[in-house]
Amino acid sequence: MEPRRVLGLAGEHLAERELARRGLRVVARNVRTRYGEIDLICRDARGYAFVEVKTRRAGSFVAAAEAVDARKAARLAALAQAWLAHRGERLAVWRIVIAALTVGADGTAVELVDLDRV
């Protein structure tokens, strides 16, 4: 397996652990549609959280938290709405969360960033 894929899988695993620590339960992983993929779909007392996991090495040109631009956020919102509609939950409360992981020599920092709906 290529090193980038290994880094991504490790990032998803660490993101899941941090999400669980903060009270979110994973409902689905790597949901693929013809329009794109949702890394993790979680649920907590606030509703659904559609999670995009971004893992970067320390010193990368673009920080993990900055790797999701407005266009990507809009696509994630459309994917979230489509997933909810498919399940008959159009009125469910939801949000988009970026799980930004930065891998450095002293370990991996995990930051969860809630995005405003776009």
C-alpha atoms as a PDB file:
ATOM      1  CA  MET A   1       0.000   0.000   0.000  1.00  0.00           C
ATOM      2  CA  GLU A   2       1.307   3.439  -0.874  1.00  0.00           C
ATOM      3  CA  PRO A   3       2.528   5.646   2.021  1.00  0.00           C
ATOM      4  CA  ARG A   4      -0.101   8.323   1.377  1.00  0.00           C
ATOM      5  CA  ARG A   5      -2.918   5.788   1.699  1.00  0.00           C
ATOM      6  CA  VAL A   6      -1.388   4.426   4.931  1.00  0.00           C
ATOM      7  CA  LEU A   7      -1.237   7.971   6.330  1.00  0.00           C
ATOM      8  CA  GLY A   8      -4.868   8.571   5.365  1.00  0.00           C
ATOM      9  CA  LEU A   9      -6.102   5.333   6.958  1.00  0.00           C
ATOM     10  CA  ALA A  10      -4.171   6.041  10.139  1.00  0.00           C
ATOM     11  CA  GLY A  11      -5.671   9.532  10.190  1.00  0.00           C
ATOM     12  CA  GLU A  12      -9.210   8.174   9.846  1.00  0.00           C
ATOM     13  CA  HIS A  13      -8.606   5.738  12.707  1.00  0.00           C
ATOM     14  CA  LEU A  14      -7.270   8.487  14.993  1.00  0.00           C
ATOM     15  CA  ALA A  15     -10.127  10.798  13.987  1.00  0.00           C
ATOM     16  CA  GLU A  16     -12.651   8.092  14.918  1.00  0.00           C
ATOM     17  CA  ARG A  17     -11.064   7.694  18.327  1.00  0.00           C
ATOM     18  CA  GLU A  18     -11.175  11.442  18.973  1.00  0.00           C
ATOM     19  CA  LEU A  19     -14.771  11.704  17.771  1.00  0.00           C
ATOM     20  CA  ALA A  20     -15.782   8.842  20.086  1.00  0.00           C
ATOM     21  CA  ARG A  21     -13.935  10.501  22.961  1.00  0.00           C
ATOM     22  CA  ARG A  22     -16.066  13.600  22.349  1.00  0.00           C
ATOM     23  CA  GLY A  23     -19.309  11.637  22.373  1.00  0.00           C
ATOM     24  CA  LEU A  24     -19.920  11.033  18.672  1.00  0.00           C
ATOM     25  CA  ARG A  25     -20.936   7.571  17.471  1.00  0.00           C
ATOM     26  CA  VAL A  26     -19.885   6.477  13.977  1.00  0.00           C
ATOM     27  CA  VAL A  27     -22.936   5.578  11.874  1.00  0.00           C
ATOM     28  CA  ALA A  28     -21.144   4.981   8.538  1.00  0.00           C
ATOM     29  CA  ARG A  29     -17.637   5.022   7.084  1.00  0.00           C
ATOM     30  CA  ASN A  30     -16.431   5.908   3.589  1.00  0.00           C
ATOM     31  CA  VAL A  31     -19.888   6.440   2.108  1.00  0.00           C
ATOM     32  CA  ARG A  32     -19.424   6.583  -1.647  1.00  0.00           C
ATOM     33  CA  THR A  33     -21.844   8.046  -4.133  1.00  0.00           C
ATOM     34  CA  ARG A  34     -21.441   8.982  -7.756  1.00  0.00           C
ATOM     35  CA  TYR A  35     -21.008  12.572  -6.557  1.00  0.00           C
ATOM     36  CA  GLY A  36     -18.246  11.958  -4.031  1.00  0.00           C
ATOM     37  CA  GLU A  37     -17.387  10.370  -0.707  1.00  0.00           C
ATOM     38  CA  ILE A  38     -18.136  11.168   2.916  1.00  0.00           C
ATOM     39  CA  ASP A  39     -15.328   9.917   5.167  1.00  0.00           C
ATOM     40  CA  LEU A  40     -17.352   9.461   8.354  1.00  0.00           C
ATOM     41  CA  ILE A  41     -20.953   9.993   9.333  1.00  0.00           C
ATOM     42  CA  CYS A  42     -21.444  10.331  13.072  1.00  0.00           C
ATOM     43  CA  ARG A  43     -24.283  11.082  15.426  1.00  0.00           C
ATOM     44  CA  ASP A  44     -24.459  12.717  18.838  1.00  0.00           C
ATOM     45  CA  ALA A  45     -27.016  14.608  20.938  1.00  0.00           C
ATOM     46  CA  ARG A  46     -26.770  17.570  18.518  1.00  0.00           C
ATOM     47  CA  GLY A  47     -27.624  15.493  15.422  1.00  0.00           C
ATOM     48  CA  TYR A  48     -25.571  14.157  12.526  1.00  0.00           C
ATOM     49  CA  ALA A  49     -21.974  15.143  11.881  1.00  0.00           C
ATOM     50  CA  PHE A  50     -20.598  14.596   8.377  1.00  0.00           C
ATOM     51  CA  VAL A  51     -16.854  14.366   8.876  1.00  0.00           C
ATOM     52  CA  GLU A  52     -14.133  15.088   6.342  1.00  0.00           C
ATOM     53  CA  VAL A  53     -10.784  13.737   7.562  1.00  0.00           C
ATOM     54  CA  LYS A  54      -7.648  15.572   6.451  1.00  0.00           C
ATOM     55  CA  THR A  55      -4.260  14.280   7.530  1.00  0.00           C
ATOM     56  CA  ARG A  56      -1.054  16.180   6.864  1.00  0.00           C
ATOM     57  CA  ARG A  57       2.535  15.949   7.994  1.00  0.00           C
ATOM     58  CA  ALA A  58       3.834  18.860  10.063  1.00  0.00           C
ATOM     59  CA  GLY A  59       5.341  21.459   7.760  1.00  0.00           C
ATOM     60  CA  SER A  60       3.099  20.622   4.794  1.00  0.00           C
ATOM     61  CA  PHE A  61       2.428  23.455   2.371  1.00  0.00           C
ATOM     62  CA  VAL A  62      -1.297  23.478   3.257  1.00  0.00           C
ATOM     63  CA  ALA A  63      -2.312  22.797   6.868  1.00  0.00           C
ATOM     64  CA  ALA A  64      -4.861  20.044   7.391  1.00  0.00           C
ATOM     65  CA  ALA A  65      -7.496  22.451   8.734  1.00  0.00           C
ATOM     66  CA  GLU A  66      -7.129  24.654   5.633  1.00  0.00           C
ATOM     67  CA  ALA A  67      -7.402  21.811   3.122  1.00  0.00           C
ATOM     68  CA  VAL A  68     -11.184  22.173   2.754  1.00  0.00           C
ATOM     69  CA  ASP A  69     -12.106  25.205   0.684  1.00  0.00           C
ATOM     70  CA  ALA A  70     -15.583  26.661   0.122  1.00  0.00           C
ATOM     71  CA  ARG A  71     -16.173  24.528  -2.976  1.00  0.00           C
ATOM     72  CA  LYS A  72     -15.313  21.298  -1.143  1.00  0.00           C
ATOM     73  CA  ALA A  73     -17.482  22.375   1.814  1.00  0.00           C
ATOM     74  CA  ALA A  74     -20.410  22.998  -0.536  1.00  0.00           C
ATOM     75  CA  ARG A  75     -19.957  19.556  -2.076  1.00  0.00           C
ATOM     76  CA  LEU A  76     -19.884  17.976   1.386  1.00  0.00           C
ATOM     77  CA  ALA A  77     -23.103  19.803   2.262  1.00  0.00           C
ATOM     78  CA  ALA A  78     -24.767  18.498  -0.905  1.00  0.00           C
ATOM     79  CA  LEU A  79     -23.591  14.954  -0.124  1.00  0.00           C
ATOM     80  CA  ALA A  80     -24.919  15.264   3.434  1.00  0.00           C
ATOM     81  CA  GLN A  81     -28.307  16.466   2.248  1.00  0.00           C
ATOM     82  CA  ALA A  82     -28.515  13.684  -0.345  1.00  0.00           C
ATOM     83  CA  TRP A  83     -27.612  11.046   2.258  1.00  0.00           C
ATOM     84  CA  LEU A  84     -30.258  12.346   4.649  1.00  0.00           C
ATOM     85  CA  ALA A  85     -32.873  12.511   1.874  1.00  0.00           C
ATOM     86  CA  HIS A  86     -32.095   8.932   0.854  1.00  0.00           C
ATOM     87  CA  ARG A  87     -32.737   7.838   4.448  1.00  0.00           C
ATOM     88  CA  GLY A  88     -35.946   9.865   4.704  1.00  0.00           C
ATOM     89  CA  GLU A  89     -34.416  12.277   7.228  1.00  0.00           C
ATOM     90  CA  ARG A  90     -34.442  15.553   5.299  1.00  0.00           C
ATOM     91  CA  LEU A  91     -35.350  17.509   8.432  1.00  0.00           C
ATOM     92  CA  ALA A  92     -32.598  16.045  10.625  1.00  0.00           C
ATOM     93  CA  VAL A  93     -30.190  18.436  12.315  1.00  0.00           C
ATOM     94  CA  TRP A  94     -26.701  18.136  10.850  1.00  0.00           C
ATOM     95  CA  ARG A  95     -23.335  19.809  10.534  1.00  0.00           C
ATOM     96  CA  ILE A  96     -20.047  19.359   8.714  1.00  0.00           C
ATOM     97  CA  VAL A  97     -16.938  18.687  10.774  1.00  0.00           C
ATOM     98  CA  ILE A  98     -13.359  18.770   9.549  1.00  0.00           C
ATOM     99  CA  ALA A  99     -11.102  16.376  11.440  1.00  0.00           C
ATOM    100  CA  ALA A 100      -7.705  17.982  10.865  1.00  0.00           C
ATOM    101  CA  LEU A 101      -4.802  15.765  11.866  1.00  0.00           C
ATOM    102  CA  THR A 102      -1.222  16.985  11.847  1.00  0.00           C
ATOM    103  CA  VAL A 103       1.459  14.310  12.171  1.00  0.00           C
ATOM    104  CA  GLY A 104       4.698  15.519  13.717  1.00  0.00           C
ATOM    105  CA  ALA A 105       7.773  14.111  15.384  1.00  0.00           C
ATOM    106  CA  ASP A 106       6.098  14.404  18.808  1.00  0.00           C
ATOM    107  CA  GLY A 107       2.841  12.678  17.781  1.00  0.00           C
ATOM    108  CA  THR A 108      -0.385  13.533  16.026  1.00  0.00           C
ATOM    109  CA  ALA A 109      -2.518  16.545  16.871  1.00  0.00           C
ATOM    110  CA  VAL A 110      -6.247  16.190  16.194  1.00  0.00           C
ATOM    111  CA  GLU A 111      -8.389  19.283  15.724  1.00  0.00           C
ATOM    112  CA  LEU A 112     -12.145  19.108  15.094  1.00  0.00           C
ATOM    113  CA  VAL A 113     -13.551  22.131  13.272  1.00  0.00           C
ATOM    114  CA  ASP A 114     -17.312  22.606  12.818  1.00  0.00           C
ATOM    115  CA  LEU A 115     -18.087  24.379   9.555  1.00  0.00           C
ATOM    116  CA  ASP A 116     -21.038  26.668   9.146  1.00  0.00           C
ATOM    117  CA  ARG A 117     -23.458  25.288   6.611  1.00  0.00           C
ATOM    118  CA  VAL A 118     -22.834  26.582   3.109  1.00  0.00           C
END
